[in-house]
Amino acid sequence: MLTLTQFASSAVWTAHPSKVSLVAQHRSVVSLSPLPFKRARADAGTRQLVHSHRRNTTCRSHVVYAGSPKAEGEIRIAFIGAGGINFGSPEGPWNHSSRLQLLPDVTFSAIVDPNNKLAQERIDTLQKGEHGNKWKDTKVFTTYREMLEDPSAKPTAAFIGLPPMHHGALEDPNANIELEMAKAGVNLFVEKPLSVRPAAEVAQLAHELKHIQEQNNIVIAVGYMFRYSAMAQAAKKILKEHNATPLAVIARYACGYSDIKKKDWWDVSLCGGPIVEQATHFVDLMRFFAGEIIEDSVKAVAVGPQQKLSDMPEPPLAEAEVPMERRINRVTAAVWHFSSGAVGSLTHSLVLHTSHYQTELEILADGLHLILIDPYNEPKLKVRYPHSATYEEVPLDDRDVYLIEAEAFINAIKSGNSDEIQSLYEDSALSYQATQWITAASTQNIHEKSDPNA
């Protein structure tokens, strides 16, 4: 999901003759994010909920489902996965549970994880905390189907924080969790990437889920948190105030790879590759500003995995045990047209040492140049306005984007109105689709060795 999150847990999901089961293998899963967002703390005493007006944005549906009931009373949350994205890790600020427990009317019904011990440890720790009463009835399950069969644990909503190979399928019983839970009437918050499956399959899944959510009056959101950031919202506002249409959106994403130790991340069959798994955030932001990408216009080249990297984690970590044909590209450069007529350009590289990333996104319009700098660490927005030759830095508030997206999701469930949500599933599926297009185009144009001495 990545800003490279620590995945749900160290488990392998396998088929069972009668149900999907989780085969517990307690493999350490490393969180791979840079030092993000000023490490906003979700403390009741230090963090105020931040509200902002989020209307009239590109690439976002506003939906009020016909006859959608308001959720009365408690919003019962289940976590699918007891790992870092749902419960935090030292490497980053992601931690859905810490934000959700700050919100009124929220309680926690279940944690689903094959590692029952880890799940129970999460509950025991949180029961001792300031919001322990919200966890007093939380149960542990090995599979989500077991949870759905227990009336006392069935949730109002579930946060799905799993590795992408374990969800986002249309028919595979090992990974069709979204479809089955939506059919059961559960509101869903899904972490990205949405899947590792073909774009066409995920598009069909999005179509099916949209039908089910309208039928069952549920909300299905995706965690593209950058859309909620002060930087992105301010940039959107400036474009609107100047009646400016982006003509070019240029993104650069340089990853620090030295501390990325998890084998799954280096295996394209398990993570989808760096565009699907990591650069997805920037592809989504580019759509947020400029609209839809034209598939036939996507062109890409890449430096392949035969290019050696000098600061790789020691074997057996990282890609040491991953077959060469499944290793990920070192650099990907892509260009395309948006349906608006604008052009897009993305360069993703896996070349920097340490865990600090260098990321930047530029928007060019008539008279305007907006530069969104370092959204993971110290976000800044610099703007050159019409009839000016200088750049001004736009003041930004220190909002906790994870708290804002959690609040938007809960508010949508309560009201039956998804207007606050920046990333509904059907829209997010288009970002996933675009990352698969870029990956496919780059696969056809890989330069295997850029350094003759490598």
Protein backbone atom coordinates (compact mmCIF):
# COMPACT_ATOMS: atom_id res chain seq x y z
CA MET A 1 0.00 0.00 0.00
CA LEU A 2 2.30 1.48 -0.18
CA THR A 3 3.94 3.92 0.83
CA LEU A 4 5.30 0.64 1.53
CA THR A 5 3.49 -0.44 4.56
CA GLN A 6 4.16 -3.30 6.87
CA PHE A 7 1.76 -5.90 5.65
CA ALA A 8 -1.07 -7.39 7.56
CA SER A 9 0.86 -10.23 9.07
CA SER A 10 3.25 -12.96 8.19
CA ALA A 11 0.81 -15.44 6.77
CA VAL A 12 0.15 -17.49 3.69
CA TRP A 13 -3.49 -17.60 2.61
CA THR A 14 -4.46 -20.96 1.14
CA ALA A 15 -7.55 -22.71 -0.09
CA HIS A 16 -9.44 -25.20 2.03
CA PRO A 17 -12.06 -27.63 0.67
CA SER A 18 -14.81 -25.78 2.50
CA LYS A 19 -13.43 -22.36 3.23
CA VAL A 20 -10.49 -20.04 2.85
CA SER A 21 -8.05 -20.61 5.65
CA LEU A 22 -4.90 -18.92 6.75
CA VAL A 23 -1.83 -21.02 7.20
CA ALA A 24 0.11 -19.39 9.99
CA GLN A 25 3.71 -18.80 9.13
CA HIS A 26 5.11 -16.13 11.35
CA ARG A 27 7.38 -14.50 8.84
CA SER A 28 8.61 -11.05 9.70
CA VAL A 29 7.23 -8.46 7.31
CA VAL A 30 9.27 -5.31 7.05
CA SER A 31 7.72 -1.89 6.69
CA LEU A 32 9.35 -0.07 3.86
CA SER A 33 8.30 3.53 3.95
CA PRO A 34 10.50 6.57 4.12
CA LEU A 35 10.24 8.80 7.14
CA PRO A 36 6.80 10.15 6.38
CA PHE A 37 4.61 13.12 7.13
CA LYS A 38 6.26 14.63 10.22
CA ARG A 39 5.17 11.52 12.13
CA ALA A 40 1.82 12.92 13.10
CA ARG A 41 0.71 11.42 16.41
CA ALA A 42 -2.88 10.35 16.78
CA ASP A 43 -3.20 11.42 20.42
CA ALA A 44 -6.52 12.67 21.70
CA GLY A 45 -4.68 15.31 23.66
CA THR A 46 -2.42 16.55 20.89
CA ARG A 47 -4.39 16.11 17.69
CA GLN A 48 -7.53 17.93 16.73
CA LEU A 49 -9.65 16.49 14.00
CA VAL A 50 -9.06 18.49 10.86
CA HIS A 51 -11.98 19.28 8.63
CA SER A 52 -11.72 20.63 5.12
CA HIS A 53 -14.02 21.30 2.19
CA ARG A 54 -13.28 18.64 -0.43
CA ARG A 55 -15.76 19.21 -3.23
CA ASN A 56 -15.40 19.65 -6.97
CA THR A 57 -12.34 17.43 -7.37
CA THR A 58 -11.29 15.52 -10.44
CA CYS A 59 -11.48 11.72 -10.38
CA ARG A 60 -13.82 11.38 -7.45
CA SER A 61 -17.41 10.26 -7.45
CA HIS A 62 -19.89 11.86 -5.07
CA VAL A 63 -22.46 9.29 -4.18
CA VAL A 64 -25.58 9.35 -2.09
CA TYR A 65 -27.02 5.88 -2.44
CA ALA A 66 -30.76 5.77 -2.94
CA GLY A 67 -32.43 4.87 0.31
CA SER A 68 -29.07 4.66 2.06
CA PRO A 69 -29.77 4.41 5.79
CA LYS A 70 -27.81 6.32 8.36
CA ALA A 71 -25.89 4.00 10.66
CA GLU A 72 -27.29 4.46 14.13
CA GLY A 73 -25.36 3.82 17.33
CA GLU A 74 -22.02 2.06 17.37
CA ILE A 75 -19.85 1.63 14.29
CA ARG A 76 -18.26 -1.78 14.87
CA ILE A 77 -14.89 -2.13 13.17
CA ALA A 78 -13.02 -5.32 12.26
CA PHE A 79 -9.40 -5.40 11.17
CA ILE A 80 -8.42 -7.91 8.50
CA GLY A 81 -4.76 -8.27 9.37
CA ALA A 82 -2.96 -7.60 12.65
CA GLY A 83 0.11 -6.05 11.04
CA GLY A 84 1.59 -2.61 10.75
CA ILE A 85 -0.88 -0.86 8.47
CA ASN A 86 -3.68 -1.48 10.96
CA PHE A 87 -1.70 -1.35 14.21
CA GLY A 88 1.43 0.67 13.52
CA SER A 89 5.13 0.06 13.05
CA PRO A 90 8.31 1.99 13.94
CA GLU A 91 8.96 2.90 10.30
CA GLY A 92 5.98 5.15 9.67
CA PRO A 93 2.81 6.87 10.86
CA TRP A 94 0.32 4.37 9.43
CA ASN A 95 -1.85 2.92 12.15
CA HIS A 96 -5.58 2.83 11.41
CA SER A 97 -6.54 1.58 14.85
CA SER A 98 -4.95 4.52 16.67
CA ARG A 99 -6.95 6.99 14.59
CA LEU A 100 -10.22 5.11 14.67
CA GLN A 101 -10.27 4.83 18.44
CA LEU A 102 -10.27 8.62 18.65
CA LEU A 103 -13.60 8.82 16.83
CA PRO A 104 -16.92 8.82 18.66
CA ASP A 105 -19.26 5.83 18.36
CA VAL A 106 -16.48 3.54 17.09
CA THR A 107 -15.83 0.19 18.79
CA PHE A 108 -13.86 -2.85 17.65
CA SER A 109 -15.48 -6.22 17.08
CA ALA A 110 -12.69 -8.39 15.70
CA ILE A 111 -9.15 -8.89 14.45
CA VAL A 112 -8.74 -11.52 11.73
CA ASP A 113 -5.26 -12.96 11.39
CA PRO A 114 -3.75 -16.46 11.15
CA ASN A 115 -1.34 -15.37 13.85
CA ASN A 116 -3.91 -15.48 16.65
CA LYS A 117 -1.23 -14.79 19.22
CA LEU A 118 -0.26 -11.51 17.59
CA ALA A 119 -3.90 -10.50 17.23
CA GLN A 120 -4.60 -11.20 20.89
CA GLU A 121 -1.50 -9.26 21.91
CA ARG A 122 -2.85 -6.27 19.99
CA ILE A 123 -6.13 -6.48 21.87
CA ASP A 124 -4.49 -6.96 25.27
CA THR A 125 -2.28 -3.92 24.76
CA LEU A 126 -5.08 -1.67 23.53
CA GLN A 127 -7.44 -2.73 26.29
CA LYS A 128 -4.95 -1.23 28.75
CA GLY A 129 -4.84 2.09 26.91
CA GLU A 130 -6.81 5.29 27.16
CA HIS A 131 -9.52 3.91 24.88
CA GLY A 132 -9.50 0.39 26.29
CA ASN A 133 -13.27 0.28 26.67
CA LYS A 134 -13.62 0.27 22.89
CA TRP A 135 -11.70 -3.04 22.78
CA LYS A 136 -13.43 -4.89 25.62
CA ASP A 137 -15.49 -7.15 23.34
CA THR A 138 -12.97 -7.62 20.51
CA LYS A 139 -12.57 -11.22 19.31
CA VAL A 140 -9.83 -12.98 17.37
CA PHE A 141 -10.51 -15.07 14.27
CA THR A 142 -8.30 -16.99 11.87
CA THR A 143 -10.50 -16.29 8.83
CA TYR A 144 -12.93 -13.57 7.92
CA ARG A 145 -15.56 -16.19 7.14
CA GLU A 146 -15.43 -17.41 10.72
CA MET A 147 -15.98 -13.84 11.84
CA LEU A 148 -18.98 -13.37 9.55
CA GLU A 149 -20.55 -16.52 10.97
CA ASP A 150 -20.41 -15.10 14.51
CA PRO A 151 -23.33 -12.66 14.99
CA SER A 152 -21.66 -11.08 18.01
CA ALA A 153 -18.57 -10.18 15.99
CA LYS A 154 -19.97 -9.22 12.58
CA PRO A 155 -18.74 -5.69 11.95
CA THR A 156 -20.33 -2.57 10.52
CA ALA A 157 -17.08 -1.99 8.61
CA ALA A 158 -13.76 -3.72 7.99
CA PHE A 159 -10.30 -2.35 7.32
CA ILE A 160 -8.54 -4.68 4.88
CA GLY A 161 -4.78 -4.42 5.38
CA LEU A 162 -3.35 -7.41 3.50
CA PRO A 163 -0.54 -7.98 1.01
CA PRO A 164 -1.93 -7.36 -2.49
CA MET A 165 -1.66 -11.00 -3.59
CA HIS A 166 -4.16 -11.94 -0.87
CA HIS A 167 -7.08 -9.74 -1.93
CA GLY A 168 -8.59 -8.01 -4.93
CA ALA A 169 -9.72 -11.11 -6.85
CA LEU A 170 -12.99 -11.64 -8.67
CA GLU A 171 -13.31 -15.42 -8.33
CA ASP A 172 -10.23 -16.83 -6.61
CA PRO A 173 -11.51 -18.07 -3.22
CA ASN A 174 -8.10 -17.31 -1.72
CA ALA A 175 -8.39 -13.60 -2.47
CA ASN A 176 -12.00 -12.52 -3.12
CA ILE A 177 -12.45 -11.07 0.35
CA GLU A 178 -13.84 -7.72 -0.85
CA LEU A 179 -16.58 -9.39 -2.86
CA GLU A 180 -17.66 -11.74 -0.08
CA MET A 181 -17.63 -9.13 2.67
CA ALA A 182 -19.52 -6.62 0.53
CA LYS A 183 -22.16 -9.27 -0.19
CA ALA A 184 -22.43 -9.72 3.59
CA GLY A 185 -23.28 -6.02 3.92
CA VAL A 186 -19.98 -4.90 5.47
CA ASN A 187 -18.63 -1.42 4.66
CA LEU A 188 -15.03 -1.68 3.47
CA PHE A 189 -11.88 0.40 3.71
CA VAL A 190 -9.31 -1.26 1.43
CA GLU A 191 -5.61 -0.54 1.50
CA LYS A 192 -3.68 -0.33 -1.73
CA PRO A 193 -2.46 -1.84 -3.94
CA LEU A 194 -5.90 -3.18 -4.72
CA SER A 195 -4.52 -6.42 -6.16
CA VAL A 196 -1.79 -7.98 -8.26
CA ARG A 197 -4.25 -9.37 -10.77
CA PRO A 198 -4.82 -8.21 -14.36
CA ALA A 199 -6.32 -4.76 -14.76
CA ALA A 200 -9.35 -6.19 -16.57
CA GLU A 201 -10.16 -8.47 -13.64
CA VAL A 202 -9.92 -5.64 -11.12
CA ALA A 203 -12.07 -3.44 -13.38
CA GLN A 204 -14.72 -6.16 -13.40
CA LEU A 205 -14.40 -6.52 -9.63
CA ALA A 206 -14.92 -2.77 -9.24
CA HIS A 207 -18.05 -3.05 -11.40
CA GLU A 208 -19.39 -5.90 -9.27
CA LEU A 209 -18.59 -4.08 -6.04
CA LYS A 210 -20.32 -0.92 -7.22
CA HIS A 211 -23.48 -2.91 -7.90
CA ILE A 212 -23.29 -4.60 -4.50
CA GLN A 213 -22.63 -1.38 -2.61
CA GLU A 214 -25.65 0.25 -4.21
CA GLN A 215 -27.77 -2.81 -3.49
CA ASN A 216 -26.59 -3.16 0.13
CA ASN A 217 -26.19 0.56 0.87
CA ILE A 218 -22.55 0.26 1.89
CA VAL A 219 -19.42 2.36 1.42
CA ILE A 220 -16.21 1.01 -0.15
CA ALA A 221 -13.23 3.35 0.16
CA VAL A 222 -9.50 3.03 -0.59
CA GLY A 223 -6.56 4.48 1.34
CA TYR A 224 -5.02 6.92 -1.12
CA MET A 225 -4.16 9.27 1.73
CA PHE A 226 -2.28 11.90 -0.31
CA ARG A 227 -5.58 13.14 -1.73
CA TYR A 228 -6.48 14.29 1.79
CA SER A 229 -3.19 16.13 2.33
CA ALA A 230 -3.06 19.89 2.81
CA MET A 231 -0.60 20.06 -0.07
CA ALA A 232 -2.88 18.33 -2.59
CA GLN A 233 -5.97 20.18 -1.45
CA ALA A 234 -4.19 23.55 -1.65
CA ALA A 235 -2.90 22.77 -5.14
CA LYS A 236 -6.40 21.80 -6.23
CA LYS A 237 -7.77 25.06 -4.84
CA ILE A 238 -5.15 27.17 -6.63
CA LEU A 239 -5.92 25.52 -9.97
CA LYS A 240 -9.63 26.16 -9.45
CA GLU A 241 -9.14 29.79 -8.38
CA HIS A 242 -7.19 30.48 -11.56
CA ASN A 243 -9.55 28.46 -13.74
CA ALA A 244 -6.47 26.57 -14.84
CA THR A 245 -6.42 23.20 -16.56
CA PRO A 246 -3.22 21.19 -16.13
CA LEU A 247 -1.32 20.77 -19.39
CA ALA A 248 1.47 18.62 -17.94
CA VAL A 249 1.88 16.61 -14.74
CA ILE A 250 5.40 15.37 -14.04
CA ALA A 251 6.22 12.97 -11.19
CA ARG A 252 9.56 11.77 -9.88
CA TYR A 253 9.80 9.04 -7.27
CA ALA A 254 13.27 7.96 -6.12
CA CYS A 255 13.15 5.13 -3.60
CA GLY A 256 15.75 4.45 -0.92
CA TYR A 257 16.13 0.67 -1.07
CA SER A 258 18.81 -0.20 1.52
CA ASP A 259 16.40 -1.18 4.30
CA ILE A 260 13.76 -2.92 2.18
CA LYS A 261 14.32 -6.42 3.49
CA LYS A 262 11.02 -8.16 2.78
CA LYS A 263 11.32 -10.73 0.00
CA ASP A 264 7.72 -10.28 -1.17
CA TRP A 265 8.40 -6.63 -2.02
CA TRP A 266 11.17 -7.63 -4.42
CA ASP A 267 9.04 -10.29 -6.14
CA VAL A 268 6.87 -8.89 -8.93
CA SER A 269 4.51 -11.87 -8.74
CA LEU A 270 3.71 -11.05 -5.11
CA CYS A 271 3.74 -7.23 -5.01
CA GLY A 272 2.99 -6.31 -8.63
CA GLY A 273 6.24 -4.40 -9.09
CA PRO A 274 7.29 -0.92 -7.93
CA ILE A 275 4.77 0.99 -10.05
CA VAL A 276 1.79 -1.04 -8.84
CA GLU A 277 3.01 -1.28 -5.27
CA GLN A 278 4.73 2.03 -4.63
CA ALA A 279 4.39 4.64 -7.38
CA THR A 280 0.63 3.99 -7.31
CA HIS A 281 0.34 6.94 -4.93
CA PHE A 282 1.74 9.32 -7.51
CA VAL A 283 -0.19 7.83 -10.41
CA ASP A 284 -3.32 8.36 -8.34
CA LEU A 285 -2.38 11.97 -7.57
CA MET A 286 -1.73 12.61 -11.25
CA ARG A 287 -5.25 11.39 -12.04
CA PHE A 288 -6.55 13.50 -9.15
CA PHE A 289 -5.24 16.63 -10.87
CA ALA A 290 -5.46 15.84 -14.58
CA GLY A 291 -8.14 13.20 -15.10
CA GLU A 292 -8.10 9.88 -16.89
CA ILE A 293 -5.12 8.30 -18.66
CA ILE A 294 -5.49 7.02 -22.22
CA GLU A 295 -4.28 3.43 -22.33
CA ASP A 296 -3.06 3.43 -25.94
CA SER A 297 -0.91 6.49 -25.29
CA VAL A 298 1.15 4.89 -22.49
CA LYS A 299 4.80 4.39 -23.41
CA ALA A 300 7.47 3.22 -20.99
CA VAL A 301 11.05 1.99 -20.75
CA ALA A 302 12.90 0.39 -17.86
CA VAL A 303 16.25 -0.66 -16.47
CA GLY A 304 15.79 -4.28 -15.52
CA PRO A 305 16.73 -6.36 -12.48
CA GLN A 306 20.06 -7.52 -13.92
CA GLN A 307 21.40 -4.10 -12.97
CA LYS A 308 23.17 -4.75 -9.67
CA LEU A 309 22.53 -2.57 -6.63
CA SER A 310 25.44 -1.95 -4.28
CA ASP A 311 23.67 -1.57 -0.92
CA MET A 312 21.24 -4.48 -0.92
CA PRO A 313 20.32 -6.12 2.40
CA GLU A 314 22.39 -9.21 3.07
CA PRO A 315 21.07 -12.60 1.87
CA PRO A 316 18.67 -14.24 2.43
CA LEU A 317 16.82 -10.92 2.75
CA ALA A 318 15.40 -8.82 -0.09
CA GLU A 319 15.72 -10.40 -3.55
CA ALA A 320 18.49 -12.90 -2.77
CA GLU A 321 16.12 -15.86 -3.08
CA VAL A 322 13.83 -14.37 -5.76
CA PRO A 323 14.32 -15.84 -9.26
CA MET A 324 15.71 -13.33 -11.75
CA GLU A 325 12.57 -13.46 -13.90
CA ARG A 326 10.49 -12.30 -10.92
CA ARG A 327 12.76 -9.53 -9.68
CA ILE A 328 11.66 -5.91 -10.01
CA ASN A 329 12.95 -3.20 -12.33
CA ARG A 330 15.48 -0.66 -11.09
CA VAL A 331 14.16 2.33 -13.07
CA THR A 332 10.90 2.90 -14.94
CA ALA A 333 10.16 5.97 -17.07
CA ALA A 334 6.72 6.46 -18.62
CA VAL A 335 4.82 9.07 -20.62
CA TRP A 336 1.17 9.29 -21.69
CA HIS A 337 -1.75 11.50 -22.59
CA PHE A 338 -4.66 12.26 -20.33
CA SER A 339 -8.10 12.37 -21.89
CA SER A 340 -8.07 16.14 -21.19
CA GLY A 341 -5.22 16.47 -23.68
CA ALA A 342 -2.59 17.01 -20.99
CA VAL A 343 0.58 14.94 -20.91
CA GLY A 344 1.89 12.91 -17.99
CA SER A 345 5.39 11.79 -17.13
CA LEU A 346 6.49 9.46 -14.32
CA THR A 347 9.99 8.31 -13.42
CA HIS A 348 10.36 5.79 -10.63
CA SER A 349 13.80 4.66 -9.53
CA LEU A 350 15.14 2.14 -7.06
CA VAL A 351 18.66 3.53 -6.65
CA LEU A 352 19.02 5.64 -3.48
CA HIS A 353 20.66 4.36 -0.32
CA THR A 354 19.20 4.44 3.22
CA SER A 355 15.42 4.56 3.70
CA HIS A 356 14.90 8.21 2.75
CA TYR A 357 13.03 8.84 -0.49
CA GLN A 358 13.12 11.78 -2.87
CA THR A 359 9.68 12.52 -4.31
CA GLU A 360 8.20 15.43 -6.22
CA LEU A 361 5.26 16.18 -8.47
CA GLU A 362 4.91 19.19 -10.78
CA ILE A 363 1.80 20.63 -12.41
CA LEU A 364 2.10 23.01 -15.35
CA ALA A 365 -0.82 25.10 -16.59
CA ASP A 366 -1.13 28.40 -18.44
CA GLY A 367 0.73 30.86 -16.22
CA LEU A 368 1.04 28.41 -13.33
CA HIS A 369 3.75 26.09 -12.08
CA LEU A 370 2.97 24.11 -8.91
CA ILE A 371 5.64 21.94 -7.27
CA LEU A 372 4.52 19.43 -4.64
CA ILE A 373 7.67 18.52 -2.74
CA ASP A 374 8.45 15.60 -0.42
CA PRO A 375 4.92 14.51 0.59
CA TYR A 376 6.28 11.67 2.75
CA ASN A 377 8.63 13.68 4.94
CA GLU A 378 8.29 17.48 5.00
CA PRO A 379 5.54 18.43 2.53
CA LYS A 380 5.95 21.74 0.76
CA LEU A 381 4.01 23.43 -2.03
CA LYS A 382 5.78 26.05 -4.15
CA VAL A 383 3.90 28.04 -6.79
CA ARG A 384 4.85 30.38 -9.59
CA TYR A 385 1.75 32.43 -10.29
CA PRO A 386 0.66 34.12 -13.55
CA HIS A 387 2.70 37.18 -14.56
CA SER A 388 5.39 36.32 -12.01
CA ALA A 389 8.95 35.01 -12.34
CA THR A 390 9.33 34.01 -8.68
CA TYR A 391 8.12 31.09 -6.60
CA GLU A 392 6.13 31.40 -3.38
CA GLU A 393 5.79 28.71 -0.72
CA VAL A 394 2.18 28.10 0.28
CA PRO A 395 1.57 27.73 4.05
CA LEU A 396 0.24 24.26 4.87
CA ASP A 397 -1.42 22.99 8.02
CA ASP A 398 0.01 19.96 9.80
CA ARG A 399 -2.98 17.73 9.18
CA ASP A 400 -2.95 14.03 9.94
CA VAL A 401 -4.12 12.62 6.63
CA TYR A 402 -4.70 9.18 8.11
CA LEU A 403 -7.07 10.62 10.69
CA ILE A 404 -8.91 12.66 8.07
CA GLU A 405 -9.45 9.69 5.75
CA ALA A 406 -10.64 7.54 8.68
CA GLU A 407 -13.08 10.24 9.77
CA ALA A 408 -14.38 10.65 6.22
CA PHE A 409 -15.04 6.92 5.99
CA ILE A 410 -16.88 6.76 9.31
CA ASN A 411 -18.90 9.88 8.48
CA ALA A 412 -19.97 8.33 5.17
CA ILE A 413 -21.21 5.23 6.98
CA LYS A 414 -23.12 7.34 9.50
CA SER A 415 -24.72 9.66 6.96
CA GLY A 416 -25.09 7.44 3.90
CA ASN A 417 -23.30 10.20 1.95
CA SER A 418 -19.81 9.57 0.56
CA ASP A 419 -19.07 13.18 -0.37
CA GLU A 420 -16.14 13.46 2.05
CA ILE A 421 -14.39 10.41 0.66
CA GLN A 422 -11.63 11.24 -1.79
CA SER A 423 -11.03 7.68 -3.03
CA LEU A 424 -13.98 5.41 -3.64
CA TYR A 425 -13.18 1.92 -4.88
CA GLU A 426 -14.48 2.34 -8.43
CA ASP A 427 -12.26 5.40 -8.90
CA SER A 428 -9.23 3.82 -7.24
CA ALA A 429 -9.53 0.85 -9.59
CA LEU A 430 -8.70 3.27 -12.42
CA SER A 431 -5.44 4.19 -10.69
CA TYR A 432 -4.64 0.50 -10.32
CA GLN A 433 -5.47 -0.02 -13.98
CA ALA A 434 -3.09 2.77 -14.99
CA THR A 435 -0.23 1.31 -12.94
CA GLN A 436 -0.72 -2.02 -14.70
CA TRP A 437 -0.64 -0.29 -18.09
CA ILE A 438 2.65 1.39 -17.20
CA THR A 439 4.11 -1.86 -15.89
CA ALA A 440 3.09 -3.75 -19.03
CA ALA A 441 4.53 -1.08 -21.32
CA SER A 442 7.84 -1.01 -19.45
CA THR A 443 8.12 -4.81 -19.51
CA GLN A 444 8.31 -4.64 -23.29
CA ASN A 445 11.20 -2.16 -23.18
CA ILE A 446 13.66 -3.30 -20.52
CA HIS A 447 17.33 -2.47 -20.79
CA GLU A 448 18.91 -5.27 -18.79
CA LYS A 449 22.28 -3.75 -17.95
CA SER A 450 23.09 -0.03 -17.94
CA ASP A 451 26.52 -0.43 -16.29
CA PRO A 452 29.01 -2.46 -18.36
CA ASN A 453 31.01 -3.16 -15.19
CA ALA A 454 28.03 -4.42 -13.17
